[in-house]
Amino acid sequence: MNSEFAVRSMRPGELELVLEWARQEGWNPGLDDSLAFLEADPSGFFVGSIGEVPVGSISVVKYGDSFAFLGLYIVHPDFRGKGYGKAIWKTGIATAEGRTIGLDGVTAQQENYRRAGFKPAYATVRYGGVASALPASALVAHPVLDSRLEGLQRYDSAIFPQPREAFLAAWCTSRKGRRTAVVRKSHKIRGYGTIRRCYEGYKIGPLFANDADSAAALLAELIPEAKGAQIFVDIPVENREAIALAEGMGLQPVFETLRMYRGPAPAIPLKHVFGVTTLELG
């Protein structure tokens, strides 16, 4: 290992570099994810660098006082097999000591994560393709007003393991290539979802809903934003209604990960998770 190697917090602009690495790895991040990622936990992003040159990365984003999520664990191909990844991993994990840590592991890395103390919870399958039809629903979803996110944040906190107000304020703010919609019945929120432009097509996430009818209304409102481009949704395999919706739109499985936790697994109501927010941040 190079004597100049050190692990430190990311500097301005380095998260964009790491997201470009993620794109090269085929992870297909959103075009403007960095803003919301940093809002989630500005202290949760690290690079390993040789002098001033970043060679690897990890994010360990802390939510509340008991949960964290690990992602963006990448070593640039030119620097693999030299021990840098282990050093980056050790530094990142140490910042979440005492918390349950979650991650979404690709097949090739799952055994390594098991050895590091992570236990499987459930599989997530990415469904993708051009939607051949919009799902039918008796409900109607509407765009979210940026000034009215409080109810949405309360709804989210009943599904995600910890509140994440700052992240959602950035993630759900409407801007070019990004829209958030909410569905209500009798003035009560029954679900919400966000679609965002990615390097390839669009991703929908989160897609949280009380039931399939509410999720269908959200999809019908959000999918036209893609204007015929491919869409992708990461769906827990235990939510059969979500998979049926994806298949009904003509989407096909394209990628699979395994949600794993080190520490007590949070009680997530997967029947309400029709689409994971993002595999990088949970």
C-alpha atoms as a PDB file:
ATOM      1  CA  MET A   1       0.000   0.000   0.000  1.00  0.00           C
ATOM      2  CA  ASN A   2       1.302   3.449  -0.919  1.00  0.00           C
ATOM      3  CA  SER A   3       2.614   5.345   2.107  1.00  0.00           C
ATOM      4  CA  GLU A   4       0.702   8.453   1.008  1.00  0.00           C
ATOM      5  CA  PHE A   5      -2.646   6.643   1.180  1.00  0.00           C
ATOM      6  CA  ALA A   6      -5.190   8.008   3.660  1.00  0.00           C
ATOM      7  CA  VAL A   7      -8.942   7.870   4.203  1.00  0.00           C
ATOM      8  CA  ARG A   8     -10.692  11.199   4.718  1.00  0.00           C
ATOM      9  CA  SER A   9     -14.044  12.933   4.327  1.00  0.00           C
ATOM     10  CA  MET A  10     -15.038  13.841   0.782  1.00  0.00           C
ATOM     11  CA  ARG A  11     -14.291  17.348  -0.392  1.00  0.00           C
ATOM     12  CA  PRO A  12     -16.551  19.466  -2.616  1.00  0.00           C
ATOM     13  CA  GLY A  13     -16.888  17.889  -6.037  1.00  0.00           C
ATOM     14  CA  GLU A  14     -15.609  14.455  -5.029  1.00  0.00           C
ATOM     15  CA  LEU A  15     -19.066  12.927  -4.582  1.00  0.00           C
ATOM     16  CA  GLU A  16     -19.772  13.754  -8.217  1.00  0.00           C
ATOM     17  CA  LEU A  17     -16.559  11.914  -9.142  1.00  0.00           C
ATOM     18  CA  VAL A  18     -17.626   8.878  -7.115  1.00  0.00           C
ATOM     19  CA  LEU A  19     -21.075   8.876  -8.724  1.00  0.00           C
ATOM     20  CA  GLU A  20     -19.309   8.823 -12.091  1.00  0.00           C
ATOM     21  CA  TRP A  21     -17.423   5.735 -10.895  1.00  0.00           C
ATOM     22  CA  ALA A  22     -20.797   4.275  -9.905  1.00  0.00           C
ATOM     23  CA  ARG A  23     -22.073   4.969 -13.418  1.00  0.00           C
ATOM     24  CA  GLN A  24     -19.064   3.183 -14.880  1.00  0.00           C
ATOM     25  CA  GLU A  25     -19.821   0.200 -12.634  1.00  0.00           C
ATOM     26  CA  GLY A  26     -23.325   0.046 -14.115  1.00  0.00           C
ATOM     27  CA  TRP A  27     -25.170   1.302 -11.025  1.00  0.00           C
ATOM     28  CA  ASN A  28     -26.916   4.058 -13.007  1.00  0.00           C
ATOM     29  CA  PRO A  29     -27.250   6.833 -10.383  1.00  0.00           C
ATOM     30  CA  GLY A  30     -29.431   9.898 -10.851  1.00  0.00           C
ATOM     31  CA  LEU A  31     -27.991  12.906 -12.648  1.00  0.00           C
ATOM     32  CA  ASP A  32     -28.341  15.174  -9.606  1.00  0.00           C
ATOM     33  CA  ASP A  33     -28.260  12.712  -6.688  1.00  0.00           C
ATOM     34  CA  SER A  34     -25.297  14.349  -4.965  1.00  0.00           C
ATOM     35  CA  LEU A  35     -27.290  17.278  -3.560  1.00  0.00           C
ATOM     36  CA  ALA A  36     -29.782  15.090  -1.691  1.00  0.00           C
ATOM     37  CA  PHE A  37     -27.134  12.544  -0.691  1.00  0.00           C
ATOM     38  CA  LEU A  38     -25.115  15.216   1.094  1.00  0.00           C
ATOM     39  CA  GLU A  39     -28.228  16.603   2.785  1.00  0.00           C
ATOM     40  CA  ALA A  40     -28.874  13.166   4.285  1.00  0.00           C
ATOM     41  CA  ASP A  41     -25.603  13.254   6.249  1.00  0.00           C
ATOM     42  CA  PRO A  42     -22.770  15.572   5.158  1.00  0.00           C
ATOM     43  CA  SER A  43     -20.343  13.649   7.391  1.00  0.00           C
ATOM     44  CA  GLY A  44     -21.165  10.259   5.865  1.00  0.00           C
ATOM     45  CA  PHE A  45     -19.021  10.261   2.714  1.00  0.00           C
ATOM     46  CA  PHE A  46     -15.365   9.209   2.512  1.00  0.00           C
ATOM     47  CA  VAL A  47     -12.618   8.697  -0.035  1.00  0.00           C
ATOM     48  CA  GLY A  48      -9.345   6.878   0.160  1.00  0.00           C
ATOM     49  CA  SER A  49      -6.730   8.949  -1.610  1.00  0.00           C
ATOM     50  CA  ILE A  50      -3.083   8.747  -2.527  1.00  0.00           C
ATOM     51  CA  GLY A  51      -1.940  12.273  -1.992  1.00  0.00           C
ATOM     52  CA  GLU A  52      -4.641  14.351  -3.683  1.00  0.00           C
ATOM     53  CA  VAL A  53      -5.878  11.549  -5.967  1.00  0.00           C
ATOM     54  CA  PRO A  54      -9.035   9.678  -4.837  1.00  0.00           C
ATOM     55  CA  VAL A  55      -8.766   5.927  -5.487  1.00  0.00           C
ATOM     56  CA  GLY A  56     -11.800   4.576  -3.623  1.00  0.00           C
ATOM     57  CA  SER A  57     -14.891   5.546  -1.694  1.00  0.00           C
ATOM     58  CA  ILE A  58     -17.568   4.561   0.792  1.00  0.00           C
ATOM     59  CA  SER A  59     -20.652   6.193   2.239  1.00  0.00           C
ATOM     60  CA  VAL A  60     -22.037   5.385   5.675  1.00  0.00           C
ATOM     61  CA  VAL A  61     -25.023   7.685   6.036  1.00  0.00           C
ATOM     62  CA  LYS A  62     -26.398   7.980   9.558  1.00  0.00           C
ATOM     63  CA  TYR A  63     -30.124   8.346  10.179  1.00  0.00           C
ATOM     64  CA  GLY A  64     -31.238   9.226  13.692  1.00  0.00           C
ATOM     65  CA  ASP A  65     -29.238   7.664  16.520  1.00  0.00           C
ATOM     66  CA  SER A  66     -29.619   3.957  15.771  1.00  0.00           C
ATOM     67  CA  PHE A  67     -29.436   3.337  12.018  1.00  0.00           C
ATOM     68  CA  ALA A  68     -26.961   3.851   9.176  1.00  0.00           C
ATOM     69  CA  PHE A  69     -26.780   2.755   5.554  1.00  0.00           C
ATOM     70  CA  LEU A  70     -23.646   1.796   3.650  1.00  0.00           C
ATOM     71  CA  GLY A  71     -23.183   2.390  -0.062  1.00  0.00           C
ATOM     72  CA  LEU A  72     -20.868   3.709  -2.778  1.00  0.00           C
ATOM     73  CA  TYR A  73     -18.211   1.197  -1.730  1.00  0.00           C
ATOM     74  CA  ILE A  74     -15.972   1.403  -4.784  1.00  0.00           C
ATOM     75  CA  VAL A  75     -12.269   1.079  -5.478  1.00  0.00           C
ATOM     76  CA  HIS A  76     -11.206   2.398  -8.868  1.00  0.00           C
ATOM     77  CA  PRO A  77     -10.203  -0.551 -11.090  1.00  0.00           C
ATOM     78  CA  ASP A  78      -6.622   0.746 -11.403  1.00  0.00           C
ATOM     79  CA  PHE A  79      -6.098   0.399  -7.631  1.00  0.00           C
ATOM     80  CA  ARG A  80      -7.822  -2.868  -6.732  1.00  0.00           C
ATOM     81  CA  GLY A  81      -6.091  -5.749  -4.986  1.00  0.00           C
ATOM     82  CA  LYS A  82      -3.750  -3.507  -2.998  1.00  0.00           C
ATOM     83  CA  GLY A  83      -5.585  -3.336   0.351  1.00  0.00           C
ATOM     84  CA  TYR A  84      -7.129   0.094  -0.162  1.00  0.00           C
ATOM     85  CA  GLY A  85     -10.689  -1.226  -0.092  1.00  0.00           C
ATOM     86  CA  LYS A  86     -10.221  -2.877   3.321  1.00  0.00           C
ATOM     87  CA  ALA A  87      -8.846   0.341   4.797  1.00  0.00           C
ATOM     88  CA  ILE A  88     -11.718   2.395   3.380  1.00  0.00           C
ATOM     89  CA  TRP A  89     -14.260  -0.148   4.657  1.00  0.00           C
ATOM     90  CA  LYS A  90     -12.766  -0.160   8.161  1.00  0.00           C
ATOM     91  CA  THR A  91     -12.858   3.629   8.414  1.00  0.00           C
ATOM     92  CA  GLY A  92     -16.428   3.876   7.144  1.00  0.00           C
ATOM     93  CA  ILE A  93     -17.813   1.141   9.393  1.00  0.00           C
ATOM     94  CA  ALA A  94     -16.174   2.700  12.464  1.00  0.00           C
ATOM     95  CA  THR A  95     -18.189   5.901  12.006  1.00  0.00           C
ATOM     96  CA  ALA A  96     -21.444   3.978  12.617  1.00  0.00           C
ATOM     97  CA  GLU A  97     -20.330   1.990  15.641  1.00  0.00           C
ATOM     98  CA  GLY A  98     -23.280   1.070  17.869  1.00  0.00           C
ATOM     99  CA  ARG A  99     -25.835   1.432  15.076  1.00  0.00           C
ATOM    100  CA  THR A 100     -27.535  -1.104  12.895  1.00  0.00           C
ATOM    101  CA  ILE A 101     -25.981  -0.785   9.424  1.00  0.00           C
ATOM    102  CA  GLY A 102     -27.850  -1.744   6.271  1.00  0.00           C
ATOM    103  CA  LEU A 103     -26.617  -2.261   2.732  1.00  0.00           C
ATOM    104  CA  ASP A 104     -27.794  -3.636  -0.605  1.00  0.00           C
ATOM    105  CA  GLY A 105     -25.223  -6.194  -1.694  1.00  0.00           C
ATOM    106  CA  VAL A 106     -24.607  -7.340  -5.255  1.00  0.00           C
ATOM    107  CA  THR A 107     -24.258 -11.100  -5.688  1.00  0.00           C
ATOM    108  CA  ALA A 108     -20.475 -11.031  -6.067  1.00  0.00           C
ATOM    109  CA  GLN A 109     -19.966  -9.307  -2.703  1.00  0.00           C
ATOM    110  CA  GLN A 110     -22.583 -10.995  -0.520  1.00  0.00           C
ATOM    111  CA  GLU A 111     -20.226 -13.598   0.946  1.00  0.00           C
ATOM    112  CA  ASN A 112     -17.739 -10.858   1.892  1.00  0.00           C
ATOM    113  CA  TYR A 113     -20.518  -8.956   3.648  1.00  0.00           C
ATOM    114  CA  ARG A 114     -21.543 -12.096   5.528  1.00  0.00           C
ATOM    115  CA  ARG A 115     -17.995 -12.488   6.793  1.00  0.00           C
ATOM    116  CA  ALA A 116     -18.146  -8.866   7.982  1.00  0.00           C
ATOM    117  CA  GLY A 117     -21.189  -9.669  10.131  1.00  0.00           C
ATOM    118  CA  PHE A 118     -24.024  -8.721   7.780  1.00  0.00           C
ATOM    119  CA  LYS A 119     -27.049 -11.021   7.658  1.00  0.00           C
ATOM    120  CA  PRO A 120     -29.551 -11.338   4.768  1.00  0.00           C
ATOM    121  CA  ALA A 121     -32.983  -9.776   5.193  1.00  0.00           C
ATOM    122  CA  TYR A 122     -34.664  -9.835   1.772  1.00  0.00           C
ATOM    123  CA  ALA A 123     -33.884  -9.732  -1.930  1.00  0.00           C
ATOM    124  CA  THR A 124     -34.585  -6.729  -4.132  1.00  0.00           C
ATOM    125  CA  VAL A 125     -35.081  -7.061  -7.889  1.00  0.00           C
ATOM    126  CA  ARG A 126     -34.745  -4.150 -10.295  1.00  0.00           C
ATOM    127  CA  TYR A 127     -37.463  -4.174 -12.918  1.00  0.00           C
ATOM    128  CA  GLY A 128     -36.783  -2.121 -16.013  1.00  0.00           C
ATOM    129  CA  GLY A 129     -37.841  -1.346 -19.540  1.00  0.00           C
ATOM    130  CA  VAL A 130     -40.150   0.933 -21.470  1.00  0.00           C
ATOM    131  CA  ALA A 131     -43.609   0.921 -19.914  1.00  0.00           C
ATOM    132  CA  SER A 132     -46.030  -0.619 -22.386  1.00  0.00           C
ATOM    133  CA  ALA A 133     -49.073   0.584 -20.416  1.00  0.00           C
ATOM    134  CA  LEU A 134     -49.924   2.734 -17.414  1.00  0.00           C
ATOM    135  CA  PRO A 135     -51.555   0.926 -14.500  1.00  0.00           C
ATOM    136  CA  ALA A 136     -55.239   1.593 -13.854  1.00  0.00           C
ATOM    137  CA  SER A 137     -56.379   2.975 -10.513  1.00  0.00           C
ATOM    138  CA  ALA A 138     -59.548   4.312  -8.921  1.00  0.00           C
ATOM    139  CA  LEU A 139     -57.390   6.995  -7.293  1.00  0.00           C
ATOM    140  CA  VAL A 140     -55.592  10.015  -8.754  1.00  0.00           C
ATOM    141  CA  ALA A 141     -52.138  11.204  -7.699  1.00  0.00           C
ATOM    142  CA  HIS A 142     -50.999  14.824  -7.881  1.00  0.00           C
ATOM    143  CA  PRO A 143     -47.624  16.603  -7.961  1.00  0.00           C
ATOM    144  CA  VAL A 144     -46.247  17.514  -4.549  1.00  0.00           C
ATOM    145  CA  LEU A 145     -45.842  21.183  -3.719  1.00  0.00           C
ATOM    146  CA  ASP A 146     -42.317  21.889  -2.477  1.00  0.00           C
ATOM    147  CA  SER A 147     -43.775  23.993   0.329  1.00  0.00           C
ATOM    148  CA  ARG A 148     -45.912  21.113   1.619  1.00  0.00           C
ATOM    149  CA  LEU A 149     -43.562  18.267   2.421  1.00  0.00           C
ATOM    150  CA  GLU A 150     -44.349  17.906   6.137  1.00  0.00           C
ATOM    151  CA  GLY A 151     -47.119  15.352   5.713  1.00  0.00           C
ATOM    152  CA  LEU A 152     -45.058  13.401   3.235  1.00  0.00           C
ATOM    153  CA  GLN A 153     -42.146  13.305   5.681  1.00  0.00           C
ATOM    154  CA  ARG A 154     -44.411  11.961   8.428  1.00  0.00           C
ATOM    155  CA  TYR A 155     -45.724   9.300   6.078  1.00  0.00           C
ATOM    156  CA  ASP A 156     -42.170   8.324   5.100  1.00  0.00           C
ATOM    157  CA  SER A 157     -41.054   7.976   8.731  1.00  0.00           C
ATOM    158  CA  ALA A 158     -43.636   5.222   9.271  1.00  0.00           C
ATOM    159  CA  ILE A 159     -41.954   3.126   6.559  1.00  0.00           C
ATOM    160  CA  PHE A 160     -38.259   4.075   6.503  1.00  0.00           C
ATOM    161  CA  PRO A 161     -36.366   3.025   9.689  1.00  0.00           C
ATOM    162  CA  GLN A 162     -35.626   6.608  10.847  1.00  0.00           C
ATOM    163  CA  PRO A 163     -36.827  10.139   9.984  1.00  0.00           C
ATOM    164  CA  ARG A 164     -34.903  11.728   7.094  1.00  0.00           C
ATOM    165  CA  GLU A 165     -36.383  15.199   6.712  1.00  0.00           C
ATOM    166  CA  ALA A 166     -33.364  16.971   5.231  1.00  0.00           C
ATOM    167  CA  PHE A 167     -32.831  14.244   2.660  1.00  0.00           C
ATOM    168  CA  LEU A 168     -36.475  14.250   1.567  1.00  0.00           C
ATOM    169  CA  ALA A 169     -36.581  18.045   1.338  1.00  0.00           C
ATOM    170  CA  ALA A 170     -33.834  17.813  -1.295  1.00  0.00           C
ATOM    171  CA  TRP A 171     -34.889  14.524  -2.897  1.00  0.00           C
ATOM    172  CA  CYS A 172     -38.530  15.525  -3.411  1.00  0.00           C
ATOM    173  CA  THR A 173     -38.009  19.113  -4.560  1.00  0.00           C
ATOM    174  CA  SER A 174     -39.224  19.428  -8.145  1.00  0.00           C
ATOM    175  CA  ARG A 175     -36.601  20.373 -10.742  1.00  0.00           C
ATOM    176  CA  LYS A 176     -35.706  19.414 -14.263  1.00  0.00           C
ATOM    177  CA  GLY A 177     -35.787  15.642 -14.590  1.00  0.00           C
ATOM    178  CA  ARG A 178     -37.248  15.055 -11.118  1.00  0.00           C
ATOM    179  CA  ARG A 179     -40.867  14.979  -9.931  1.00  0.00           C
ATOM    180  CA  THR A 180     -42.626  13.793  -6.789  1.00  0.00           C
ATOM    181  CA  ALA A 181     -46.290  12.866  -6.560  1.00  0.00           C
ATOM    182  CA  VAL A 182     -48.635  12.061  -3.676  1.00  0.00           C
ATOM    183  CA  VAL A 183     -51.950  10.230  -3.546  1.00  0.00           C
ATOM    184  CA  ARG A 184     -54.578  11.018  -0.949  1.00  0.00           C
ATOM    185  CA  LYS A 185     -57.969   9.669   0.030  1.00  0.00           C
ATOM    186  CA  SER A 186     -60.256  11.505   2.417  1.00  0.00           C
ATOM    187  CA  HIS A 187     -57.448  14.085   2.824  1.00  0.00           C
ATOM    188  CA  LYS A 188     -55.031  11.427   4.157  1.00  0.00           C
ATOM    189  CA  ILE A 189     -51.825  10.481   2.381  1.00  0.00           C
ATOM    190  CA  ARG A 190     -51.964   6.958   0.982  1.00  0.00           C
ATOM    191  CA  GLY A 191     -48.610   7.025  -0.747  1.00  0.00           C
ATOM    192  CA  TYR A 192     -45.932   9.031  -2.536  1.00  0.00           C
ATOM    193  CA  GLY A 193     -43.216   8.493  -5.086  1.00  0.00           C
ATOM    194  CA  THR A 194     -40.373  10.235  -6.910  1.00  0.00           C
ATOM    195  CA  ILE A 195     -39.115   9.787 -10.457  1.00  0.00           C
ATOM    196  CA  ARG A 196     -35.677  11.094 -11.429  1.00  0.00           C
ATOM    197  CA  ARG A 197     -33.551  11.226 -14.534  1.00  0.00           C
ATOM    198  CA  CYS A 198     -30.588   8.867 -14.428  1.00  0.00           C
ATOM    199  CA  TYR A 199     -27.633   8.310 -16.726  1.00  0.00           C
ATOM    200  CA  GLU A 200     -29.784   5.664 -18.378  1.00  0.00           C
ATOM    201  CA  GLY A 201     -33.527   6.298 -18.382  1.00  0.00           C
ATOM    202  CA  TYR A 202     -35.408   7.117 -15.183  1.00  0.00           C
ATOM    203  CA  LYS A 203     -35.692   5.516 -11.751  1.00  0.00           C
ATOM    204  CA  ILE A 204     -38.769   5.587  -9.550  1.00  0.00           C
ATOM    205  CA  GLY A 205     -37.993   5.552  -5.839  1.00  0.00           C
ATOM    206  CA  PRO A 206     -39.190   5.758  -3.265  1.00  0.00           C
ATOM    207  CA  LEU A 207     -42.544   4.317  -4.205  1.00  0.00           C
ATOM    208  CA  PHE A 208     -44.295   3.934  -0.862  1.00  0.00           C
ATOM    209  CA  ALA A 209     -48.012   3.231  -0.744  1.00  0.00           C
ATOM    210  CA  ASN A 210     -50.733   1.784   1.466  1.00  0.00           C
ATOM    211  CA  ASP A 211     -51.889  -0.598  -1.263  1.00  0.00           C
ATOM    212  CA  ALA A 212     -51.569  -1.512  -4.938  1.00  0.00           C
ATOM    213  CA  ASP A 213     -54.302   0.901  -6.025  1.00  0.00           C
ATOM    214  CA  SER A 214     -52.434   3.833  -4.468  1.00  0.00           C
ATOM    215  CA  ALA A 215     -49.140   2.690  -5.994  1.00  0.00           C
ATOM    216  CA  ALA A 216     -50.795   2.378  -9.403  1.00  0.00           C
ATOM    217  CA  ALA A 217     -52.098   5.944  -9.188  1.00  0.00           C
ATOM    218  CA  LEU A 218     -48.590   7.187  -8.419  1.00  0.00           C
ATOM    219  CA  LEU A 219     -47.063   5.266 -11.310  1.00  0.00           C
ATOM    220  CA  ALA A 220     -49.679   6.620 -13.695  1.00  0.00           C
ATOM    221  CA  GLU A 221     -48.793  10.158 -12.627  1.00  0.00           C
ATOM    222  CA  LEU A 222     -45.001   9.735 -12.641  1.00  0.00           C
ATOM    223  CA  ILE A 223     -44.224   7.567 -15.669  1.00  0.00           C
ATOM    224  CA  PRO A 224     -45.188  10.183 -18.304  1.00  0.00           C
ATOM    225  CA  GLU A 225     -42.204  12.230 -17.036  1.00  0.00           C
ATOM    226  CA  ALA A 226     -39.954   9.639 -18.711  1.00  0.00           C
ATOM    227  CA  LYS A 227     -41.418  10.508 -22.140  1.00  0.00           C
ATOM    228  CA  GLY A 228     -41.017   6.967 -23.437  1.00  0.00           C
ATOM    229  CA  ALA A 229     -37.546   6.341 -22.006  1.00  0.00           C
ATOM    230  CA  GLN A 230     -36.749   3.268 -19.930  1.00  0.00           C
ATOM    231  CA  ILE A 231     -37.848   3.255 -16.294  1.00  0.00           C
ATOM    232  CA  PHE A 232     -36.435   1.227 -13.403  1.00  0.00           C
ATOM    233  CA  VAL A 233     -37.909   0.310 -10.014  1.00  0.00           C
ATOM    234  CA  ASP A 234     -36.112  -1.634  -7.239  1.00  0.00           C
ATOM    235  CA  ILE A 235     -38.751  -3.893  -5.676  1.00  0.00           C
ATOM    236  CA  PRO A 236     -38.513  -6.120  -2.566  1.00  0.00           C
ATOM    237  CA  VAL A 237     -39.435  -9.593  -3.817  1.00  0.00           C
ATOM    238  CA  GLU A 238     -41.751 -10.072  -0.837  1.00  0.00           C
ATOM    239  CA  ASN A 239     -44.078  -7.393  -2.225  1.00  0.00           C
ATOM    240  CA  ARG A 240     -45.904  -9.511  -4.792  1.00  0.00           C
ATOM    241  CA  GLU A 241     -48.371  -6.713  -5.583  1.00  0.00           C
ATOM    242  CA  ALA A 242     -45.478  -4.437  -6.568  1.00  0.00           C
ATOM    243  CA  ILE A 243     -44.026  -7.111  -8.840  1.00  0.00           C
ATOM    244  CA  ALA A 244     -47.432  -7.646 -10.440  1.00  0.00           C
ATOM    245  CA  LEU A 245     -47.664  -3.914 -11.161  1.00  0.00           C
ATOM    246  CA  ALA A 246     -44.212  -3.890 -12.760  1.00  0.00           C
ATOM    247  CA  GLU A 247     -44.958  -6.949 -14.877  1.00  0.00           C
ATOM    248  CA  GLY A 248     -48.306  -5.464 -15.882  1.00  0.00           C
ATOM    249  CA  MET A 249     -46.450  -2.483 -17.338  1.00  0.00           C
ATOM    250  CA  GLY A 250     -44.169  -4.782 -19.344  1.00  0.00           C
ATOM    251  CA  LEU A 251     -41.080  -4.327 -17.141  1.00  0.00           C
ATOM    252  CA  GLN A 252     -38.596  -7.185 -16.753  1.00  0.00           C
ATOM    253  CA  PRO A 253     -36.050  -8.171 -14.064  1.00  0.00           C
ATOM    254  CA  VAL A 254     -32.642  -6.727 -14.927  1.00  0.00           C
ATOM    255  CA  PHE A 255     -30.628  -6.730 -11.680  1.00  0.00           C
ATOM    256  CA  GLU A 256     -30.801  -8.178  -8.154  1.00  0.00           C
ATOM    257  CA  THR A 257     -29.371  -7.237  -4.772  1.00  0.00           C
ATOM    258  CA  LEU A 258     -29.720  -8.554  -1.238  1.00  0.00           C
ATOM    259  CA  ARG A 259     -30.625  -6.268   1.654  1.00  0.00           C
ATOM    260  CA  MET A 260     -28.389  -7.131   4.568  1.00  0.00           C
ATOM    261  CA  TYR A 261     -27.987  -5.746   8.087  1.00  0.00           C
ATOM    262  CA  ARG A 262     -25.288  -5.798  10.717  1.00  0.00           C
ATOM    263  CA  GLY A 263     -27.147  -5.476  13.992  1.00  0.00           C
ATOM    264  CA  PRO A 264     -30.862  -5.841  14.686  1.00  0.00           C
ATOM    265  CA  ALA A 265     -32.829  -5.552  11.442  1.00  0.00           C
ATOM    266  CA  PRO A 266     -35.374  -2.701  11.493  1.00  0.00           C
ATOM    267  CA  ALA A 267     -39.035  -3.607  11.142  1.00  0.00           C
ATOM    268  CA  ILE A 268     -39.820  -2.307   7.636  1.00  0.00           C
ATOM    269  CA  PRO A 269     -43.401  -2.848   6.403  1.00  0.00           C
ATOM    270  CA  LEU A 270     -42.395  -4.258   3.018  1.00  0.00           C
ATOM    271  CA  LYS A 271     -46.044  -4.486   1.918  1.00  0.00           C
ATOM    272  CA  HIS A 272     -45.878  -0.675   1.654  1.00  0.00           C
ATOM    273  CA  VAL A 273     -42.529  -0.601  -0.190  1.00  0.00           C
ATOM    274  CA  PHE A 274     -43.417  -0.749  -3.884  1.00  0.00           C
ATOM    275  CA  GLY A 275     -40.028   0.739  -4.761  1.00  0.00           C
ATOM    276  CA  VAL A 276     -36.836   1.273  -2.731  1.00  0.00           C
ATOM    277  CA  THR A 277     -35.631   4.908  -2.542  1.00  0.00           C
ATOM    278  CA  THR A 278     -32.081   4.229  -3.729  1.00  0.00           C
ATOM    279  CA  LEU A 279     -29.701   1.305  -3.318  1.00  0.00           C
ATOM    280  CA  GLU A 280     -26.958   3.743  -2.251  1.00  0.00           C
ATOM    281  CA  LEU A 281     -28.793   5.301   0.724  1.00  0.00           C
ATOM    282  CA  GLY A 282     -31.521   2.806   1.586  1.00  0.00           C
END
